[in-house]
Structure formats: C-alpha cells, structure tokens
Amino acid sequence: MINVYGIKNCDSVKKAIKFFKAHDLEYTLFDFKTENLPCEKINSWLTQVELKTLFNARSTTYRNLKLKAMNLSEKEQKEYLCKENLLIKRPVVEYKDEVIVGFNEEKYQRSFL
C-alpha cells in the first residue's frame, strides 16, 4: 500500500494522487489538516531523508510564523515539524521501505511502476 501524507488542496499532492489513480495504484491519504502526525513518524522519515528536504522553508506557514527571522537550528526545525505539520514539504509518500518527498513524475515512474 502507498501512504501519501499532505493536504488535499496542495497542487503537488493532487499531482501525486492523479498519478496513482491513472496507474490504478491503491493509496491512502493522511491529511495534515484533519489529522495530527506523530513526531515519531517525522523522526522515522528523517532517517531516510535530510531535514532540509522535509522542512518546507517556502511554505505559507513558514512565512506566517516568521521563522526565517528566528534562524532556527536543526533541532528547532525538527521541533517545529512536530508542532506544525504544514511545514512538511508535500507530499511525503511511503512505499515499501522508501520515503519520497515532493512530486517528481520520473521518480514516481521508477518507484511505483
């Protein structure tokens, strides 16, 4: 099963879901707006992807919280990811033992087809 983490109205999440539907791949969507992601899940992702890949410093949430001015350490960035799931770059896709962050059609074709 493919697990997709993000929000329904995110363009990248929409592209990922469209890809899975077009290729008849089953998936589940974990919506950050309706469910709170446990910090343990974020920590497990960080064993496979870099913090700078997972932490979305270009998001509206990042700007609204004025985090750039705070010059966060890596530890503080991890803490914010746990508190504010909307700071996570989307989508995060778990499949088998792989974690894929963002939408890249070529990478999706290699990983899922």
Protein backbone atom coordinates (compact mmCIF):
# COMPACT_ATOMS: atom_id res chain seq x y z
CA MET A 1 0.00 0.00 0.00
CA ILE A 2 1.13 3.51 -0.78
CA ASN A 3 0.76 6.06 2.02
CA VAL A 4 0.51 9.70 0.97
CA TYR A 5 0.95 12.47 3.56
CA GLY A 6 -0.07 16.03 2.79
CA ILE A 7 -3.18 18.15 2.31
CA LYS A 8 -5.93 17.61 -0.27
CA ASN A 9 -5.75 21.06 -1.84
CA CYS A 10 -1.94 21.08 -2.33
CA ASP A 11 -1.05 21.04 -6.05
CA SER A 12 1.81 18.56 -5.55
CA VAL A 13 -0.42 16.21 -3.57
CA LYS A 14 -3.07 16.46 -6.30
CA LYS A 15 -0.46 15.53 -8.91
CA ALA A 16 0.66 12.52 -6.86
CA ILE A 17 -2.91 11.31 -6.38
CA LYS A 18 -3.66 11.81 -10.07
CA PHE A 19 -0.57 9.72 -10.91
CA PHE A 20 -1.65 6.89 -8.58
CA LYS A 21 -5.21 6.91 -9.93
CA ALA A 22 -4.01 6.96 -13.55
CA HIS A 23 -1.92 3.84 -12.87
CA ASP A 24 -4.55 2.05 -10.75
CA LEU A 25 -2.33 2.13 -7.66
CA GLU A 26 -4.01 1.91 -4.26
CA TYR A 27 -3.12 4.63 -1.80
CA THR A 28 -4.27 6.19 1.45
CA LEU A 29 -4.12 9.90 2.20
CA PHE A 30 -3.14 11.21 5.60
CA ASP A 31 -4.37 14.82 5.65
CA PHE A 32 -2.33 17.18 7.83
CA LYS A 33 -5.34 19.48 8.19
CA THR A 34 -7.57 16.80 9.74
CA GLU A 35 -5.06 14.53 11.48
CA ASN A 36 -2.05 15.26 13.69
CA LEU A 37 1.08 13.44 12.60
CA PRO A 38 3.02 11.84 15.46
CA CYS A 39 6.56 13.12 15.94
CA GLU A 40 7.81 9.51 15.77
CA LYS A 41 6.72 9.35 12.12
CA ILE A 42 8.68 12.51 11.28
CA ASN A 43 11.74 11.13 13.09
CA SER A 44 11.49 7.89 11.10
CA TRP A 45 11.38 9.87 7.83
CA LEU A 46 14.46 11.81 8.91
CA THR A 47 16.42 8.55 8.99
CA GLN A 48 15.89 8.37 5.20
CA VAL A 49 15.65 11.98 4.02
CA GLU A 50 17.52 15.11 5.02
CA LEU A 51 15.91 17.73 7.22
CA LYS A 52 16.36 20.38 4.51
CA THR A 53 14.36 18.16 2.14
CA LEU A 54 11.49 17.65 4.60
CA PHE A 55 11.35 21.15 6.10
CA ASN A 56 9.47 23.49 3.74
CA ALA A 57 11.04 26.92 4.19
CA ARG A 58 8.98 28.21 1.24
CA SER A 59 5.56 27.48 2.74
CA THR A 60 2.91 29.97 3.76
CA THR A 61 3.10 28.58 7.30
CA TYR A 62 6.85 29.28 7.40
CA ARG A 63 6.25 32.89 6.36
CA ASN A 64 3.25 33.40 8.67
CA LEU A 65 5.23 32.15 11.68
CA LYS A 66 8.13 34.43 10.68
CA LEU A 67 10.56 31.53 11.12
CA LYS A 68 13.20 32.96 8.79
CA ALA A 69 13.90 35.76 11.27
CA MET A 70 14.29 33.17 14.04
CA ASN A 71 17.22 31.45 12.26
CA LEU A 72 16.22 28.03 13.62
CA SER A 73 18.76 25.35 14.48
CA GLU A 74 18.20 21.83 13.11
CA LYS A 75 16.85 20.76 16.50
CA GLU A 76 14.36 23.65 16.47
CA GLN A 77 13.34 22.86 12.89
CA LYS A 78 12.55 19.27 13.92
CA GLU A 79 10.51 20.56 16.86
CA TYR A 80 8.54 22.86 14.55
CA LEU A 81 7.84 19.99 12.13
CA CYS A 82 6.24 18.12 15.03
CA LYS A 83 4.19 21.15 16.15
CA GLU A 84 3.27 22.48 12.71
CA ASN A 85 2.75 19.63 10.24
CA LEU A 86 2.07 22.17 7.48
CA LEU A 87 5.81 22.93 7.50
CA ILE A 88 6.43 19.48 5.99
CA LYS A 89 7.14 19.55 2.27
CA ARG A 90 4.37 17.75 0.42
CA PRO A 91 3.61 15.12 -0.45
CA VAL A 92 5.55 12.63 1.60
CA VAL A 93 5.00 9.17 0.14
CA GLU A 94 5.83 5.92 1.90
CA TYR A 95 6.06 2.81 -0.25
CA LYS A 96 7.72 -0.40 0.84
CA ASP A 97 10.83 0.87 2.67
CA GLU A 98 11.15 4.10 0.70
CA VAL A 99 10.23 7.67 1.62
CA ILE A 100 9.77 10.10 -1.26
CA VAL A 101 9.31 13.83 -0.64
CA GLY A 102 7.67 16.03 -3.26
CA PHE A 103 6.27 15.11 -6.66
CA ASN A 104 8.57 14.10 -9.49
CA GLU A 105 6.88 12.10 -12.23
CA GLU A 106 10.07 10.39 -13.41
CA LYS A 107 10.94 9.28 -9.89
CA TYR A 108 7.36 8.09 -9.36
CA GLN A 109 7.54 6.02 -12.56
CA ARG A 110 10.77 4.39 -11.39
CA SER A 111 9.47 3.73 -7.87
CA PHE A 112 5.86 2.69 -8.46
CA LEU A 113 5.62 1.18 -11.96
